[in-house]
Structure formats: C-alpha cells, structure tokens
C-alpha cells in the first residue's frame, strides 16, 4: 500500500511541476437524456444543465470534473404517473483528446429525488465520447448510478460552451 501511495504522490508531483503554466478551463451547457433499464418504465426524457472543468496534465490527457442537474419527466406506467425525478451527478475522471475526438471516463456520486420524499444515491459511473469544436464541445455518455434499491441509468448528450 505504501508503494502505491508513493507512486501516486510522485505522479501528482510530476504532473504539477509540468503543468504549472496550464489553466483550468470551464464549460457549461444544456443536456438531453433518455432513461434506460427500470428507470425508463416510469420516466421519460430528461433535460438538464452540465458544468465541466478540465485541467491538462499532458497534451492529450485532461483531468475532468463534472457537476449537473437533470430533471426527468414522469410517465404513466401501470395506471400510475410518478412525479418528475431529479438527478445531481458529481463526477471526476480523465479524458483523452486527439484531433478533436474526446474519450473519457468518470466516477463519482449521484443523487436522485423521485418526489414524495423518495431519494436514492450511490456510486456513479460515466463513460463518455465526444468532439471538441473549439469553443463548443459535444459530449455523449452513459450514466449509471448504483443505489441501494436498483440501478438508475440513462444516455445523455451535452453541448457545452467553453470559456
């Protein structure tokens, strides 16, 4: 364990020394999501907002942070229509970029509110792929959150303005 901690410390130190002149970049934009699995039975299309930060550690690798808010409409299922569900993902990860292509993976924590005091939260996993158009970034991904009751999953597309 001590060897892994030491190796991690050396990598972080080397990265900080090399990236002293780099700056954190931010992006913000709307997203649209389609629920999958059991989540799609009672909920429809989701609309939201994502905020992304990127910090370069090399020419092609960035550390990323993502925070969002999504609202999924309720839809009738077995004669009942649940209220809208909201989701807040907090994600950290790594992204590879080359010639505009973006491929990344993030992990974190997701919090769902299904209305009427029904909340679930847990480990969130998000592989993602997209394209960088300069000031605009288009990113698609699959978000999966493992809660104590079930998994909550959706596909989403975000278009972000970078500054």
Protein backbone atom coordinates (compact mmCIF):
# COMPACT_ATOMS: atom_id res chain seq x y z
CA UNK A 1 0.00 0.00 0.00
CA UNK A 2 2.85 2.38 0.83
CA UNK A 3 4.39 1.76 -2.61
CA UNK A 4 1.12 2.71 -4.35
CA UNK A 5 0.76 5.85 -2.27
CA UNK A 6 4.36 6.84 -3.02
CA UNK A 7 3.88 6.19 -6.76
CA UNK A 8 0.66 8.24 -6.76
CA UNK A 9 2.45 11.08 -4.91
CA UNK A 10 5.31 11.11 -7.45
CA UNK A 11 2.87 11.18 -10.40
CA UNK A 12 0.89 14.06 -8.88
CA UNK A 13 4.07 15.97 -8.07
CA UNK A 14 5.47 15.46 -11.60
CA UNK A 15 2.16 16.50 -13.11
CA UNK A 16 2.01 19.67 -11.03
CA UNK A 17 5.56 20.63 -11.98
CA UNK A 18 4.93 20.06 -15.70
CA UNK A 19 1.53 21.77 -15.69
CA UNK A 20 2.40 24.95 -13.76
CA UNK A 21 1.59 27.12 -16.79
CA UNK A 22 -1.68 25.29 -17.59
CA UNK A 23 -5.03 26.67 -16.57
CA UNK A 24 -8.33 25.12 -15.63
CA UNK A 25 -10.96 25.56 -18.35
CA UNK A 26 -14.70 25.51 -17.80
CA UNK A 27 -17.71 24.68 -19.92
CA UNK A 28 -21.44 24.97 -19.38
CA UNK A 29 -24.37 23.83 -21.43
CA UNK A 30 -27.71 22.10 -21.77
CA UNK A 31 -28.19 18.35 -21.88
CA UNK A 32 -30.88 15.97 -23.01
CA UNK A 33 -31.12 12.43 -21.64
CA UNK A 34 -33.02 9.22 -22.33
CA UNK A 35 -33.53 6.84 -19.38
CA UNK A 36 -32.79 3.13 -19.80
CA UNK A 37 -33.48 -0.03 -17.82
CA UNK A 38 -36.01 0.05 -15.00
CA UNK A 39 -35.74 3.85 -14.83
CA UNK A 40 -37.39 4.20 -18.27
CA UNK A 41 -40.56 2.45 -17.08
CA UNK A 42 -41.77 5.44 -15.08
CA UNK A 43 -39.75 8.31 -16.51
CA UNK A 44 -39.33 9.97 -19.88
CA UNK A 45 -36.89 12.37 -21.49
CA UNK A 46 -34.65 14.34 -19.16
CA UNK A 47 -33.47 17.93 -19.58
CA UNK A 48 -30.63 19.44 -17.65
CA UNK A 49 -27.55 21.59 -17.32
CA UNK A 50 -23.94 20.42 -17.00
CA UNK A 51 -20.87 22.30 -15.80
CA UNK A 52 -17.50 20.83 -16.74
CA UNK A 53 -13.94 21.71 -15.74
CA UNK A 54 -10.80 20.39 -17.41
CA UNK A 55 -7.20 20.55 -16.29
CA UNK A 56 -4.49 19.41 -18.74
CA UNK A 57 -1.84 17.03 -17.43
CA UNK A 58 -0.33 16.45 -20.89
CA UNK A 59 -1.06 17.44 -24.49
CA UNK A 60 -3.70 14.74 -24.83
CA UNK A 61 -4.82 13.91 -21.27
CA UNK A 62 -7.07 16.07 -19.07
CA UNK A 63 -8.41 15.60 -15.57
CA UNK A 64 -12.13 16.41 -15.62
CA UNK A 65 -14.77 17.39 -13.11
CA UNK A 66 -18.47 17.46 -13.92
CA UNK A 67 -21.49 18.69 -11.99
CA UNK A 68 -25.02 18.71 -13.30
CA UNK A 69 -28.73 18.89 -12.68
CA UNK A 70 -31.21 16.81 -14.69
CA UNK A 71 -34.99 16.56 -14.47
CA UNK A 72 -36.75 13.51 -15.94
CA UNK A 73 -40.46 13.80 -16.64
CA UNK A 74 -42.77 11.23 -15.10
CA UNK A 75 -44.71 8.98 -17.50
CA UNK A 76 -47.67 6.69 -16.95
CA UNK A 77 -46.81 3.11 -16.03
CA UNK A 78 -49.33 0.51 -14.83
CA UNK A 79 -52.00 3.17 -14.36
CA UNK A 80 -49.81 5.44 -12.24
CA UNK A 81 -47.80 8.51 -13.22
CA UNK A 82 -44.88 9.25 -10.89
CA UNK A 83 -43.69 12.83 -10.38
CA UNK A 84 -40.62 14.12 -12.19
CA UNK A 85 -37.30 12.76 -10.95
CA UNK A 86 -34.28 14.99 -10.48
CA UNK A 87 -30.65 13.88 -10.56
CA UNK A 88 -27.44 15.59 -9.47
CA UNK A 89 -24.23 13.89 -10.67
CA UNK A 90 -20.82 14.81 -9.21
CA UNK A 91 -18.15 13.23 -11.42
CA UNK A 92 -14.33 13.23 -11.54
CA UNK A 93 -12.33 11.48 -14.21
CA UNK A 94 -9.88 11.53 -17.03
CA UNK A 95 -10.29 12.38 -20.70
CA UNK A 96 -8.13 11.69 -23.76
CA UNK A 97 -8.30 14.15 -26.65
CA UNK A 98 -6.76 13.94 -30.11
CA UNK A 99 -7.64 15.91 -33.25
CA UNK A 100 -10.95 16.97 -31.72
CA UNK A 101 -12.02 13.48 -30.61
CA UNK A 102 -12.74 13.18 -26.87
CA UNK A 103 -12.88 9.87 -24.99
CA UNK A 104 -13.18 9.78 -21.23
CA UNK A 105 -14.39 8.04 -18.14
CA UNK A 106 -15.61 9.43 -14.85
CA UNK A 107 -16.68 8.12 -11.48
CA UNK A 108 -18.41 9.84 -8.63
CA UNK A 109 -21.60 10.18 -6.67
CA UNK A 110 -25.15 10.65 -7.93
CA UNK A 111 -28.22 11.79 -6.01
CA UNK A 112 -31.78 11.13 -7.25
CA UNK A 113 -35.00 12.61 -5.93
CA UNK A 114 -38.07 10.74 -7.18
CA UNK A 115 -40.56 13.10 -5.48
CA UNK A 116 -42.69 12.48 -2.39
CA UNK A 117 -39.55 12.18 -0.24
CA UNK A 118 -38.24 9.16 -2.19
CA UNK A 119 -34.49 9.64 -2.66
CA UNK A 120 -31.70 7.33 -3.78
CA UNK A 121 -27.98 7.92 -4.15
CA UNK A 122 -24.83 5.98 -4.82
CA UNK A 123 -21.74 5.29 -6.89
CA UNK A 124 -21.94 6.79 -10.40
CA UNK A 125 -20.00 5.65 -13.46
CA UNK A 126 -19.93 7.61 -16.75
CA UNK A 127 -18.03 6.60 -19.90
CA UNK A 128 -18.18 9.37 -22.50
CA UNK A 129 -17.24 10.22 -26.06
CA UNK A 130 -17.49 13.47 -27.95
CA UNK A 131 -15.99 16.07 -30.22
CA UNK A 132 -14.27 19.38 -29.49
CA UNK A 133 -15.23 22.14 -31.97
CA UNK A 134 -13.12 24.87 -30.37
CA UNK A 135 -15.43 26.96 -28.18
CA UNK A 136 -18.17 24.29 -28.33
CA UNK A 137 -17.92 20.72 -27.10
CA UNK A 138 -20.45 17.98 -27.88
CA UNK A 139 -20.30 15.08 -25.45
CA UNK A 140 -22.36 11.91 -25.26
CA UNK A 141 -22.26 9.45 -22.41
CA UNK A 142 -23.93 6.69 -20.49
CA UNK A 143 -24.51 7.39 -16.80
CA UNK A 144 -25.12 4.53 -14.39
CA UNK A 145 -25.77 5.00 -10.68
CA UNK A 146 -25.89 2.01 -8.33
CA UNK A 147 -28.24 2.73 -5.44
CA UNK A 148 -29.25 0.52 -2.53
CA UNK A 149 -32.53 -0.35 -4.32
CA UNK A 150 -31.65 -0.55 -8.03
CA UNK A 151 -29.50 0.93 -10.80
CA UNK A 152 -30.59 4.20 -12.41
CA UNK A 153 -29.22 4.61 -15.95
CA UNK A 154 -29.52 6.99 -18.89
CA UNK A 155 -27.87 8.03 -22.15
CA UNK A 156 -27.23 11.75 -22.46
CA UNK A 157 -25.87 14.37 -24.85
CA UNK A 158 -24.45 17.69 -23.63
CA UNK A 159 -23.43 20.69 -25.74
CA UNK A 160 -21.16 22.96 -23.75
CA UNK A 161 -19.77 26.41 -24.38
CA UNK A 162 -16.15 26.53 -23.15
CA UNK A 163 -14.52 29.55 -21.54
